[in-house]
Each structure stands twice: as structure tokens, then as C-alpha cells.
Amino acid sequence: MARAEGIAAAARAASGKKGPPPVHLWNPPFCGDLDMRIARDGTWFYLGTPIGRFELVKLFSSILRKDGEKYFLVTPVEKVGITVDDAPFVAVDFTVSGEGDDQVLTFETHVGDMVIASGEDPIRVKRDPETGEPSPYVHIRAGLEALIDRKSFYRMVDIGSIHEEWFGVWSNGSFFKIIPANELEGA
């Protein structure tokens, strides 16, 4: 864990008191890949072992950046590649305020990030081409998404509505499509 601890120490030193560190401003040299992986359920692994310290996972998540299709932990002095199985975050809950097209959905991730689904932070649903199974996501920050967990997705479906031939949900003035309305009868 020595290399990961070194990255964590650099991240702690660079972190500001308000909000996540400005990883988008840092352009350190690429220092290779780290044997770190984020599983689909949001579990972080280092050298094949789950990272059990929540504070360390939260710190690593604050210095995560996506460049193209690849994920990196970035500090002012180094950039290391990591593996992400699906999305780096899991949205484990959400709150609802308002109703209809005035409704606002605020999501919380497994590491405590909060985001209001909106035009800037949209919800999208990807369907498995073979099974049709939906995988819903919400944008968290800077190209990083959270997979919306199953219980939250079912709650979203419960508050969904039909708009312009689509079934979906409203949040912060935007409508997010889940499934074509004509497919609801078979669902």
C-alpha cells in the first residue's frame, strides 16, 4: 500500500478545504498504472484487496479524473492510471422535492458526493443490447458518472411520467428518458 499511501499523502497536501481538489488544473507527468480497481458495486481494490478505510476511498475518489475513456488518480506531482469496471461511483440514494416538471432529484453517492440531476448533470439509461436490462447513470462531475443502484432506480420509476412519447423523470427543469412509452405495455 506504500505507493497508494504516497498518492494519498500528496492528495491530502493538495486538497483545499472547500470542494474537491482542482484535478482539472493539474497536469503532472503520467507515472504508469497502479494496480487499483473500482468494481461495479463501488468497492475500491488495491493489489486485489478491498480498501477497507472509507476515508482513504473518499480521498482517492476526490482526486479521480477521466481523460478520454481512461481513469486516473491525479495529484500535483503525478498521474497514475486505474481500472474502473463500469462507473467510478454508485448513487445509493436520492431525495425528491417538488412535483411534475418542477421536481428536483438530488442524488448521493457511496462516497458522499451530492448532485442535482439537471441539464449539466444528466441522468442517462443504457440498455444491455442482449437482455434489454437498463443501467441508469447520473453525471457527478467532470465526466465522472455514478451507476444508480437498483432500489433508487425503482424509486425513480415510481415517480416517472410520460413526456413526448417517452417514460422518464423530471429534475430541475429537464426530462430524462428511461424507456419509449410504447414499450411500457410490455414491461
N, C-alpha and C. Protein backbone atom coordinates (compact mmCIF):
# COMPACT_ATOMS: atom_id res chain seq x y z
N MET A 1 0.84 -1.20 0.00
CA MET A 1 0.00 0.00 0.00
C MET A 1 0.87 1.25 0.00
N ALA A 2 2.19 1.08 -0.04
CA ALA A 2 3.10 2.22 0.05
C ALA A 2 2.87 3.23 -1.07
N ARG A 3 2.76 2.76 -2.30
CA ARG A 3 2.55 3.70 -3.41
C ARG A 3 1.21 4.40 -3.29
N ALA A 4 0.18 3.65 -2.94
CA ALA A 4 -1.14 4.25 -2.76
C ALA A 4 -1.12 5.25 -1.61
N GLU A 5 -0.43 4.94 -0.53
CA GLU A 5 -0.32 5.86 0.60
C GLU A 5 0.40 7.14 0.19
N GLY A 6 1.42 7.02 -0.68
CA GLY A 6 2.13 8.21 -1.17
C GLY A 6 1.22 9.11 -1.98
N ILE A 7 0.37 8.50 -2.81
CA ILE A 7 -0.59 9.27 -3.60
C ILE A 7 -1.60 9.93 -2.65
N ALA A 8 -2.03 9.19 -1.63
CA ALA A 8 -2.97 9.75 -0.67
C ALA A 8 -2.36 10.93 0.08
N ALA A 9 -1.09 10.82 0.46
CA ALA A 9 -0.42 11.92 1.17
C ALA A 9 -0.34 13.16 0.28
N ALA A 10 -0.01 12.96 -0.99
CA ALA A 10 0.06 14.10 -1.92
C ALA A 10 -1.32 14.72 -2.11
N ALA A 11 -2.34 13.89 -2.16
CA ALA A 11 -3.71 14.39 -2.32
C ALA A 11 -4.14 15.18 -1.09
N ARG A 12 -3.80 14.67 0.11
CA ARG A 12 -4.15 15.39 1.34
C ARG A 12 -3.49 16.76 1.36
N ALA A 13 -2.22 16.80 0.97
CA ALA A 13 -1.47 18.06 0.98
C ALA A 13 -2.05 19.07 -0.01
N ALA A 14 -2.57 18.58 -1.12
CA ALA A 14 -3.07 19.48 -2.17
C ALA A 14 -4.54 19.84 -2.02
N SER A 15 -5.26 19.11 -1.16
CA SER A 15 -6.70 19.35 -1.02
C SER A 15 -6.98 20.67 -0.35
N GLY A 16 -7.96 21.36 -0.91
CA GLY A 16 -8.45 22.59 -0.30
C GLY A 16 -9.50 22.25 0.73
N LYS A 17 -9.92 23.21 1.47
CA LYS A 17 -10.94 22.99 2.49
C LYS A 17 -12.34 22.90 1.90
N LYS A 18 -12.58 23.54 0.76
CA LYS A 18 -13.91 23.58 0.16
C LYS A 18 -13.91 22.82 -1.17
N GLY A 19 -14.77 21.81 -1.26
CA GLY A 19 -14.93 21.09 -2.51
C GLY A 19 -13.75 20.18 -2.82
N PRO A 20 -13.88 19.45 -3.92
CA PRO A 20 -12.81 18.54 -4.32
C PRO A 20 -11.58 19.30 -4.82
N PRO A 21 -10.42 18.66 -4.76
CA PRO A 21 -9.19 19.30 -5.27
C PRO A 21 -9.34 19.64 -6.76
N PRO A 22 -8.64 20.65 -7.22
CA PRO A 22 -8.77 21.09 -8.62
C PRO A 22 -7.97 20.21 -9.59
N VAL A 23 -8.31 18.92 -9.67
CA VAL A 23 -7.56 17.99 -10.51
C VAL A 23 -7.57 18.40 -11.98
N HIS A 24 -8.61 19.13 -12.40
CA HIS A 24 -8.70 19.58 -13.80
C HIS A 24 -7.61 20.60 -14.12
N LEU A 25 -7.03 21.22 -13.11
CA LEU A 25 -5.97 22.21 -13.33
C LEU A 25 -4.57 21.59 -13.29
N TRP A 26 -4.46 20.40 -12.77
CA TRP A 26 -3.15 19.75 -12.61
C TRP A 26 -2.79 18.98 -13.87
N ASN A 27 -1.54 19.09 -14.30
CA ASN A 27 -1.06 18.39 -15.48
C ASN A 27 0.30 17.74 -15.19
N PRO A 28 0.32 16.83 -14.22
CA PRO A 28 1.59 16.17 -13.88
C PRO A 28 1.94 15.10 -14.90
N PRO A 29 3.17 14.60 -14.86
CA PRO A 29 3.54 13.52 -15.79
C PRO A 29 2.83 12.21 -15.43
N PHE A 30 2.57 11.40 -16.47
CA PHE A 30 1.99 10.08 -16.26
C PHE A 30 3.07 9.17 -15.68
N CYS A 31 2.75 8.52 -14.57
CA CYS A 31 3.73 7.69 -13.86
C CYS A 31 3.42 6.20 -13.95
N GLY A 32 2.56 5.81 -14.89
CA GLY A 32 2.24 4.40 -15.05
C GLY A 32 0.91 4.04 -14.42
N ASP A 33 0.58 2.78 -14.55
CA ASP A 33 -0.68 2.29 -13.99
C ASP A 33 -0.45 1.75 -12.59
N LEU A 34 -1.47 1.90 -11.77
CA LEU A 34 -1.47 1.40 -10.40
C LEU A 34 -2.43 0.22 -10.37
N ASP A 35 -2.10 -0.82 -9.62
CA ASP A 35 -2.99 -1.97 -9.51
C ASP A 35 -4.14 -1.61 -8.56
N MET A 36 -4.97 -0.69 -9.04
CA MET A 36 -6.14 -0.26 -8.28
C MET A 36 -7.34 -0.36 -9.22
N ARG A 37 -8.46 -0.86 -8.64
CA ARG A 37 -9.65 -1.09 -9.45
C ARG A 37 -10.89 -0.69 -8.66
N ILE A 38 -11.85 -0.10 -9.38
CA ILE A 38 -13.15 0.19 -8.79
C ILE A 38 -14.14 -0.78 -9.42
N ALA A 39 -14.72 -1.64 -8.59
CA ALA A 39 -15.69 -2.63 -9.07
C ALA A 39 -17.03 -1.96 -9.38
N ARG A 40 -17.89 -2.68 -10.07
CA ARG A 40 -19.20 -2.13 -10.46
C ARG A 40 -20.03 -1.73 -9.25
N ASP A 41 -19.83 -2.40 -8.11
CA ASP A 41 -20.60 -2.06 -6.91
C ASP A 41 -19.98 -0.92 -6.10
N GLY A 42 -18.91 -0.29 -6.63
CA GLY A 42 -18.27 0.84 -5.97
C GLY A 42 -17.14 0.48 -5.02
N THR A 43 -16.85 -0.81 -4.87
CA THR A 43 -15.75 -1.23 -4.00
C THR A 43 -14.42 -0.92 -4.66
N TRP A 44 -13.52 -0.29 -3.91
CA TRP A 44 -12.18 0.02 -4.40
C TRP A 44 -11.24 -1.10 -3.95
N PHE A 45 -10.39 -1.56 -4.87
CA PHE A 45 -9.41 -2.61 -4.58
C PHE A 45 -8.01 -2.07 -4.85
N TYR A 46 -7.06 -2.48 -4.02
CA TYR A 46 -5.65 -2.19 -4.27
C TYR A 46 -4.91 -3.51 -4.15
N LEU A 47 -4.15 -3.85 -5.19
CA LEU A 47 -3.44 -5.13 -5.27
C LEU A 47 -4.39 -6.30 -5.01
N GLY A 48 -5.62 -6.21 -5.52
CA GLY A 48 -6.59 -7.29 -5.42
C GLY A 48 -7.34 -7.36 -4.10
N THR A 49 -7.03 -6.48 -3.15
CA THR A 49 -7.66 -6.49 -1.83
C THR A 49 -8.55 -5.26 -1.67
N PRO A 50 -9.76 -5.44 -1.16
CA PRO A 50 -10.62 -4.27 -0.95
C PRO A 50 -9.97 -3.27 0.00
N ILE A 51 -10.13 -2.00 -0.31
CA ILE A 51 -9.64 -0.94 0.58
C ILE A 51 -10.72 -0.74 1.63
N GLY A 52 -10.40 -1.07 2.87
CA GLY A 52 -11.39 -1.05 3.94
C GLY A 52 -11.56 0.28 4.64
N ARG A 53 -10.67 1.21 4.41
CA ARG A 53 -10.74 2.51 5.09
C ARG A 53 -11.55 3.49 4.24
N PHE A 54 -12.76 3.80 4.70
CA PHE A 54 -13.65 4.69 3.96
C PHE A 54 -13.00 6.03 3.68
N GLU A 55 -12.28 6.58 4.66
CA GLU A 55 -11.65 7.89 4.48
C GLU A 55 -10.65 7.87 3.34
N LEU A 56 -9.94 6.76 3.16
CA LEU A 56 -8.97 6.64 2.08
C LEU A 56 -9.68 6.54 0.72
N VAL A 57 -10.75 5.77 0.67
CA VAL A 57 -11.55 5.66 -0.56
C VAL A 57 -12.11 7.03 -0.93
N LYS A 58 -12.62 7.74 0.06
CA LYS A 58 -13.19 9.07 -0.19
C LYS A 58 -12.10 10.01 -0.71
N LEU A 59 -10.91 9.95 -0.14
CA LEU A 59 -9.81 10.79 -0.59
C LEU A 59 -9.42 10.44 -2.03
N PHE A 60 -9.26 9.16 -2.32
CA PHE A 60 -8.93 8.75 -3.70
C PHE A 60 -10.02 9.21 -4.67
N SER A 61 -11.28 9.09 -4.27
CA SER A 61 -12.37 9.49 -5.18
C SER A 61 -12.32 10.98 -5.47
N SER A 62 -11.76 11.77 -4.57
CA SER A 62 -11.69 13.22 -4.77
C SER A 62 -10.61 13.62 -5.77
N ILE A 63 -9.66 12.73 -6.04
CA ILE A 63 -8.59 13.04 -7.00
C ILE A 63 -8.71 12.21 -8.27
N LEU A 64 -9.89 11.64 -8.48
CA LEU A 64 -10.16 10.83 -9.66
C LEU A 64 -10.48 11.75 -10.84
N ARG A 65 -9.93 11.41 -11.99
CA ARG A 65 -10.19 12.18 -13.21
C ARG A 65 -10.33 11.21 -14.37
N LYS A 66 -11.17 11.59 -15.32
CA LYS A 66 -11.34 10.80 -16.53
C LYS A 66 -10.82 11.61 -17.70
N ASP A 67 -9.86 11.05 -18.42
CA ASP A 67 -9.32 11.66 -19.63
C ASP A 67 -9.62 10.70 -20.77
N GLY A 68 -10.48 11.11 -21.68
CA GLY A 68 -10.91 10.21 -22.74
C GLY A 68 -11.73 9.09 -22.13
N GLU A 69 -11.34 7.87 -22.36
CA GLU A 69 -12.03 6.71 -21.79
C GLU A 69 -11.28 6.11 -20.60
N LYS A 70 -10.19 6.73 -20.18
CA LYS A 70 -9.35 6.19 -19.11
C LYS A 70 -9.50 6.99 -17.83
N TYR A 71 -9.27 6.31 -16.71
CA TYR A 71 -9.39 6.91 -15.39
C TYR A 71 -8.01 7.01 -14.74
N PHE A 72 -7.83 8.12 -14.00
CA PHE A 72 -6.55 8.39 -13.36
C PHE A 72 -6.76 8.96 -11.97
N LEU A 73 -5.81 8.69 -11.07
CA LEU A 73 -5.70 9.43 -9.83
C LEU A 73 -4.65 10.49 -10.12
N VAL A 74 -4.99 11.75 -9.80
CA VAL A 74 -4.12 12.86 -10.18
C VAL A 74 -3.80 13.70 -8.95
N THR A 75 -2.51 13.96 -8.77
CA THR A 75 -2.05 14.90 -7.75
C THR A 75 -1.25 15.97 -8.48
N PRO A 76 -0.79 16.99 -7.79
CA PRO A 76 0.03 18.00 -8.48
C PRO A 76 1.33 17.44 -9.05
N VAL A 77 1.80 16.29 -8.53
CA VAL A 77 3.10 15.78 -8.96
C VAL A 77 3.06 14.47 -9.74
N GLU A 78 1.93 13.75 -9.73
CA GLU A 78 1.88 12.51 -10.51
C GLU A 78 0.47 12.16 -10.94
N LYS A 79 0.41 11.35 -11.99
CA LYS A 79 -0.84 10.88 -12.57
C LYS A 79 -0.68 9.39 -12.81
N VAL A 80 -1.57 8.59 -12.18
CA VAL A 80 -1.48 7.14 -12.33
C VAL A 80 -2.81 6.59 -12.83
N GLY A 81 -2.72 5.61 -13.72
CA GLY A 81 -3.92 5.00 -14.27
C GLY A 81 -4.50 3.97 -13.34
N ILE A 82 -5.83 3.88 -13.29
CA ILE A 82 -6.51 2.85 -12.53
C ILE A 82 -7.60 2.24 -13.42
N THR A 83 -8.16 1.12 -13.00
CA THR A 83 -9.19 0.42 -13.74
C THR A 83 -10.55 0.68 -13.10
N VAL A 84 -11.53 0.98 -13.93
CA VAL A 84 -12.91 1.16 -13.45
C VAL A 84 -13.78 0.20 -14.25
N ASP A 85 -14.44 -0.72 -13.53
CA ASP A 85 -15.24 -1.74 -14.20
C ASP A 85 -16.45 -1.17 -14.95
N ASP A 86 -17.11 -0.19 -14.37
CA ASP A 86 -18.30 0.40 -15.01
C ASP A 86 -18.26 1.91 -14.80
N ALA A 87 -18.82 2.39 -13.71
CA ALA A 87 -18.77 3.80 -13.35
C ALA A 87 -17.99 3.90 -12.04
N PRO A 88 -17.29 5.00 -11.80
CA PRO A 88 -16.48 5.08 -10.59
C PRO A 88 -17.29 5.29 -9.31
N PHE A 89 -18.55 5.71 -9.44
CA PHE A 89 -19.37 5.96 -8.26
C PHE A 89 -20.66 5.16 -8.36
N VAL A 90 -21.31 4.99 -7.22
CA VAL A 90 -22.63 4.38 -7.17
C VAL A 90 -23.55 5.38 -6.45
N ALA A 91 -24.65 5.74 -7.09
CA ALA A 91 -25.66 6.58 -6.44
C ALA A 91 -26.52 5.65 -5.59
N VAL A 92 -26.43 5.83 -4.28
CA VAL A 92 -27.07 4.91 -3.34
C VAL A 92 -28.41 5.43 -2.81
N ASP A 93 -28.72 6.69 -3.09
CA ASP A 93 -29.99 7.25 -2.63
C ASP A 93 -30.25 8.57 -3.35
N PHE A 94 -31.49 9.04 -3.26
CA PHE A 94 -31.81 10.37 -3.77
C PHE A 94 -33.01 10.91 -3.00
N THR A 95 -33.11 12.23 -3.00
CA THR A 95 -34.27 12.88 -2.40
C THR A 95 -35.04 13.57 -3.52
N VAL A 96 -36.34 13.76 -3.27
CA VAL A 96 -37.23 14.39 -4.24
C VAL A 96 -37.85 15.61 -3.58
N SER A 97 -37.80 16.72 -4.29
CA SER A 97 -38.57 17.89 -3.86
C SER A 97 -39.39 18.36 -5.05
N GLY A 98 -40.54 18.91 -4.80
CA GLY A 98 -41.41 19.37 -5.87
C GLY A 98 -42.13 18.23 -6.56
N GLU A 99 -42.92 18.60 -7.56
CA GLU A 99 -43.70 17.61 -8.31
C GLU A 99 -43.69 17.94 -9.80
N GLY A 100 -44.02 16.94 -10.61
CA GLY A 100 -44.13 17.14 -12.06
C GLY A 100 -42.85 17.70 -12.64
N ASP A 101 -42.98 18.66 -13.57
CA ASP A 101 -41.77 19.20 -14.19
C ASP A 101 -41.03 20.18 -13.29
N ASP A 102 -41.56 20.46 -12.09
CA ASP A 102 -40.85 21.26 -11.08
C ASP A 102 -40.08 20.38 -10.10
N GLN A 103 -40.13 19.09 -10.32
CA GLN A 103 -39.47 18.13 -9.44
C GLN A 103 -37.95 18.28 -9.52
N VAL A 104 -37.27 18.07 -8.38
CA VAL A 104 -35.81 18.10 -8.33
C VAL A 104 -35.33 16.83 -7.62
N LEU A 105 -34.44 16.10 -8.28
CA LEU A 105 -33.85 14.88 -7.71
C LEU A 105 -32.41 15.18 -7.31
N THR A 106 -32.10 14.95 -6.05
CA THR A 106 -30.74 15.15 -5.54
C THR A 106 -30.18 13.79 -5.16
N PHE A 107 -29.12 13.37 -5.86
CA PHE A 107 -28.51 12.06 -5.65
C PHE A 107 -27.33 12.15 -4.69
N GLU A 108 -27.13 11.06 -3.95
CA GLU A 108 -25.96 10.93 -3.08
C GLU A 108 -25.20 9.67 -3.47
N THR A 109 -23.88 9.78 -3.59
CA THR A 109 -23.05 8.62 -3.94
C THR A 109 -22.57 7.89 -2.69
N HIS A 110 -21.98 6.75 -2.91
CA HIS A 110 -21.46 5.93 -1.82
C HIS A 110 -20.28 6.57 -1.10
N VAL A 111 -19.72 7.63 -1.67
CA VAL A 111 -18.62 8.35 -1.00
C VAL A 111 -19.06 9.73 -0.53
N GLY A 112 -20.37 9.99 -0.57
CA GLY A 112 -20.90 11.23 0.00
C GLY A 112 -21.02 12.41 -0.94
N ASP A 113 -20.72 12.23 -2.24
CA ASP A 113 -20.94 13.32 -3.19
C ASP A 113 -22.43 13.52 -3.37
N MET A 114 -22.84 14.78 -3.54
CA MET A 114 -24.24 15.11 -3.78
C MET A 114 -24.33 15.85 -5.11
N VAL A 115 -25.36 15.53 -5.90
CA VAL A 115 -25.56 16.21 -7.18
C VAL A 115 -27.05 16.27 -7.49
N ILE A 116 -27.46 17.41 -8.02
CA ILE A 116 -28.84 17.56 -8.50
C ILE A 116 -28.85 17.19 -9.97
N ALA A 117 -29.69 16.22 -10.34
CA ALA A 117 -29.82 15.86 -11.75
C ALA A 117 -30.37 17.06 -12.50
N SER A 118 -29.67 17.42 -13.59
CA SER A 118 -30.03 18.63 -14.35
C SER A 118 -29.46 18.49 -15.76
N GLY A 119 -29.63 19.54 -16.55
CA GLY A 119 -29.04 19.55 -17.88
C GLY A 119 -27.52 19.45 -17.82
N GLU A 120 -26.91 20.01 -16.79
CA GLU A 120 -25.45 19.92 -16.63
C GLU A 120 -25.01 18.59 -16.04
N ASP A 121 -25.85 17.99 -15.21
CA ASP A 121 -25.57 16.71 -14.58
C ASP A 121 -26.72 15.76 -14.89
N PRO A 122 -26.74 15.25 -16.15
CA PRO A 122 -27.90 14.47 -16.60
C PRO A 122 -27.94 13.03 -16.09
N ILE A 123 -29.14 12.48 -16.20
CA ILE A 123 -29.37 11.05 -15.99
C ILE A 123 -29.41 10.44 -17.38
N ARG A 124 -28.79 9.29 -17.53
CA ARG A 124 -28.90 8.55 -18.79
C ARG A 124 -29.13 7.09 -18.46
N VAL A 125 -29.78 6.38 -19.36
CA VAL A 125 -30.05 4.96 -19.19
C VAL A 125 -29.49 4.23 -20.39
N LYS A 126 -28.60 3.30 -20.12
CA LYS A 126 -28.02 2.45 -21.17
C LYS A 126 -28.66 1.08 -21.02
N ARG A 127 -29.09 0.51 -22.15
CA ARG A 127 -29.70 -0.81 -22.11
C ARG A 127 -28.77 -1.84 -22.69
N ASP A 128 -28.68 -2.97 -22.01
CA ASP A 128 -27.87 -4.08 -22.49
C ASP A 128 -28.45 -4.55 -23.82
N PRO A 129 -27.61 -4.61 -24.87
CA PRO A 129 -28.14 -4.97 -26.20
C PRO A 129 -28.71 -6.39 -26.26
N GLU A 130 -28.25 -7.29 -25.40
CA GLU A 130 -28.74 -8.67 -25.45
C GLU A 130 -29.97 -8.88 -24.57
N THR A 131 -29.93 -8.34 -23.35
CA THR A 131 -31.01 -8.60 -22.40
C THR A 131 -32.02 -7.47 -22.30
N GLY A 132 -31.65 -6.27 -22.75
CA GLY A 132 -32.52 -5.11 -22.61
C GLY A 132 -32.50 -4.53 -21.21
N GLU A 133 -31.74 -5.13 -20.31
CA GLU A 133 -31.65 -4.67 -18.92
C GLU A 133 -31.11 -3.24 -18.87
N PRO A 134 -31.81 -2.35 -18.15
CA PRO A 134 -31.34 -0.96 -18.08
C PRO A 134 -30.23 -0.78 -17.04
N SER A 135 -29.30 0.10 -17.35
CA SER A 135 -28.28 0.55 -16.40
C SER A 135 -28.38 2.07 -16.38
N PRO A 136 -28.92 2.62 -15.28
CA PRO A 136 -29.07 4.07 -15.19
C PRO A 136 -27.85 4.73 -14.54
N TYR A 137 -27.51 5.92 -15.03
CA TYR A 137 -26.35 6.66 -14.52
C TYR A 137 -26.74 8.12 -14.31
N VAL A 138 -26.04 8.77 -13.39
CA VAL A 138 -26.18 10.22 -13.22
C VAL A 138 -24.77 10.80 -13.24
N HIS A 139 -24.62 11.92 -13.95
CA HIS A 139 -23.32 12.60 -14.02
C HIS A 139 -23.02 13.24 -12.68
N ILE A 140 -21.81 13.05 -12.18
CA ILE A 140 -21.41 13.60 -10.88
C ILE A 140 -20.55 14.85 -11.05
N ARG A 141 -19.47 14.73 -11.81
CA ARG A 141 -18.60 15.88 -12.06
C ARG A 141 -17.58 15.51 -13.13
N ALA A 142 -17.25 16.48 -13.96
CA ALA A 142 -16.14 16.38 -14.92
C ALA A 142 -16.07 15.05 -15.66
N GLY A 143 -17.18 14.60 -16.21
CA GLY A 143 -17.19 13.35 -16.98
C GLY A 143 -17.29 12.09 -16.14
N LEU A 144 -17.37 12.22 -14.83
CA LEU A 144 -17.47 11.06 -13.93
C LEU A 144 -18.94 10.81 -13.61
N GLU A 145 -19.35 9.55 -13.73
CA GLU A 145 -20.74 9.19 -13.50
C GLU A 145 -20.87 8.24 -12.32
N ALA A 146 -22.11 8.15 -11.83
CA ALA A 146 -22.47 7.16 -10.81
C ALA A 146 -23.52 6.23 -11.40
N LEU A 147 -23.33 4.95 -11.21
CA LEU A 147 -24.36 3.98 -11.52
C LEU A 147 -25.44 4.12 -10.46
N ILE A 148 -26.68 4.31 -10.87
CA ILE A 148 -27.78 4.44 -9.91
C ILE A 148 -28.17 3.05 -9.45
N ASP A 149 -28.11 2.82 -8.12
CA ASP A 149 -28.38 1.47 -7.61
C ASP A 149 -29.83 1.07 -7.88
N ARG A 150 -30.08 -0.22 -7.79
CA ARG A 150 -31.37 -0.79 -8.18
C ARG A 150 -32.54 -0.20 -7.39
N LYS A 151 -32.41 -0.09 -6.07
CA LYS A 151 -33.52 0.43 -5.27
C LYS A 151 -33.85 1.87 -5.65
N SER A 152 -32.82 2.66 -5.92
CA SER A 152 -33.05 4.05 -6.33
C SER A 152 -33.69 4.11 -7.72
N PHE A 153 -33.25 3.23 -8.61
CA PHE A 153 -33.84 3.20 -9.95
C PHE A 153 -35.33 2.85 -9.87
N TYR A 154 -35.68 1.86 -9.03
CA TYR A 154 -37.09 1.51 -8.88
C TYR A 154 -37.90 2.68 -8.31
N ARG A 155 -37.31 3.42 -7.38
CA ARG A 155 -37.98 4.62 -6.84
C ARG A 155 -38.16 5.67 -7.94
N MET A 156 -37.15 5.81 -8.83
CA MET A 156 -37.28 6.75 -9.95
C MET A 156 -38.44 6.34 -10.85
N VAL A 157 -38.54 5.07 -11.13
CA VAL A 157 -39.62 4.57 -11.99
C VAL A 157 -40.98 4.88 -11.35
N ASP A 158 -41.07 4.75 -10.03
CA ASP A 158 -42.32 5.03 -9.33
C ASP A 158 -42.76 6.49 -9.48
N ILE A 159 -41.82 7.40 -9.65
CA ILE A 159 -42.18 8.83 -9.76
C ILE A 159 -42.10 9.32 -11.20
N GLY A 160 -41.90 8.40 -12.13
CA GLY A 160 -41.77 8.76 -13.54
C GLY A 160 -43.09 9.17 -14.17
N SER A 161 -42.98 9.73 -15.37
CA SER A 161 -44.16 10.15 -16.12
C SER A 161 -43.87 10.06 -17.61
N ILE A 162 -44.89 10.25 -18.41
CA ILE A 162 -44.74 10.21 -19.86
C ILE A 162 -44.67 11.64 -20.37
N HIS A 163 -43.69 11.86 -21.25
CA HIS A 163 -43.50 13.18 -21.86
C HIS A 163 -42.99 12.95 -23.28
N GLU A 164 -43.69 13.50 -24.27
CA GLU A 164 -43.29 13.40 -25.67
C GLU A 164 -42.93 11.97 -26.07
N GLU A 165 -43.84 11.05 -25.77
CA GLU A 165 -43.72 9.64 -26.16
C GLU A 165 -42.61 8.88 -25.46
N TRP A 166 -42.12 9.41 -24.34
CA TRP A 166 -41.11 8.73 -23.54
C TRP A 166 -41.58 8.65 -22.10
N PHE A 167 -41.22 7.55 -21.43
CA PHE A 167 -41.39 7.45 -19.98
C PHE A 167 -40.04 7.83 -19.38
N GLY A 168 -40.07 8.71 -18.37
CA GLY A 168 -38.84 9.14 -17.73
C GLY A 168 -39.13 9.94 -16.48
N VAL A 169 -38.14 10.70 -16.05
CA VAL A 169 -38.29 11.51 -14.84
C VAL A 169 -37.87 12.94 -15.10
N TRP A 170 -38.51 13.85 -14.38
CA TRP A 170 -38.15 15.26 -14.41
C TRP A 170 -37.19 15.55 -13.27
N SER A 171 -36.26 16.46 -13.52
CA SER A 171 -35.43 17.01 -12.45
C SER A 171 -34.88 18.34 -12.90
N ASN A 172 -35.08 19.34 -12.08
CA ASN A 172 -34.52 20.67 -12.29
C ASN A 172 -34.83 21.22 -13.69
N GLY A 173 -36.05 20.98 -14.16
CA GLY A 173 -36.49 21.52 -15.45
C GLY A 173 -36.11 20.69 -16.66
N SER A 174 -35.42 19.57 -16.46
CA SER A 174 -35.05 18.69 -17.58
C SER A 174 -35.78 17.36 -17.45
N PHE A 175 -36.14 16.79 -18.61
CA PHE A 175 -36.77 15.47 -18.63
C PHE A 175 -35.73 14.45 -19.08
N PHE A 176 -35.62 13.37 -18.31
CA PHE A 176 -34.63 12.33 -18.61
C PHE A 176 -35.35 11.06 -19.02
N LYS A 177 -35.09 10.63 -20.24
CA LYS A 177 -35.76 9.48 -20.84
C LYS A 177 -35.27 8.17 -20.22
N ILE A 178 -36.22 7.29 -19.92
CA ILE A 178 -35.87 5.96 -19.43
C ILE A 178 -36.20 4.90 -20.48
N ILE A 179 -37.42 4.95 -21.01
CA ILE A 179 -37.86 3.94 -21.97
C ILE A 179 -38.94 4.57 -22.87
N PRO A 180 -38.98 4.20 -24.17
CA PRO A 180 -40.08 4.69 -25.00
C PRO A 180 -41.42 4.29 -24.40
N ALA A 181 -42.37 5.20 -24.39
CA ALA A 181 -43.67 4.94 -23.77
C ALA A 181 -44.37 3.74 -24.38
N ASN A 182 -44.17 3.50 -25.68
CA ASN A 182 -44.84 2.37 -26.32
C ASN A 182 -44.30 1.02 -25.85
N GLU A 183 -43.18 1.00 -25.16
CA GLU A 183 -42.63 -0.25 -24.62
C GLU A 183 -43.12 -0.51 -23.20
N LEU A 184 -43.82 0.44 -22.61
CA LEU A 184 -44.31 0.27 -21.24
C LEU A 184 -45.33 -0.84 -21.11
N GLU A 185 -46.15 -1.02 -22.11
CA GLU A 185 -47.21 -2.03 -22.04
C GLU A 185 -46.63 -3.43 -21.87
N GLY A 186 -45.47 -3.68 -22.44
CA GLY A 186 -44.85 -5.00 -22.30
C GLY A 186 -43.98 -5.11 -21.08
N ALA A 187 -43.77 -4.01 -20.36
CA ALA A 187 -42.88 -4.04 -19.20
C ALA A 187 -43.60 -4.51 -17.96
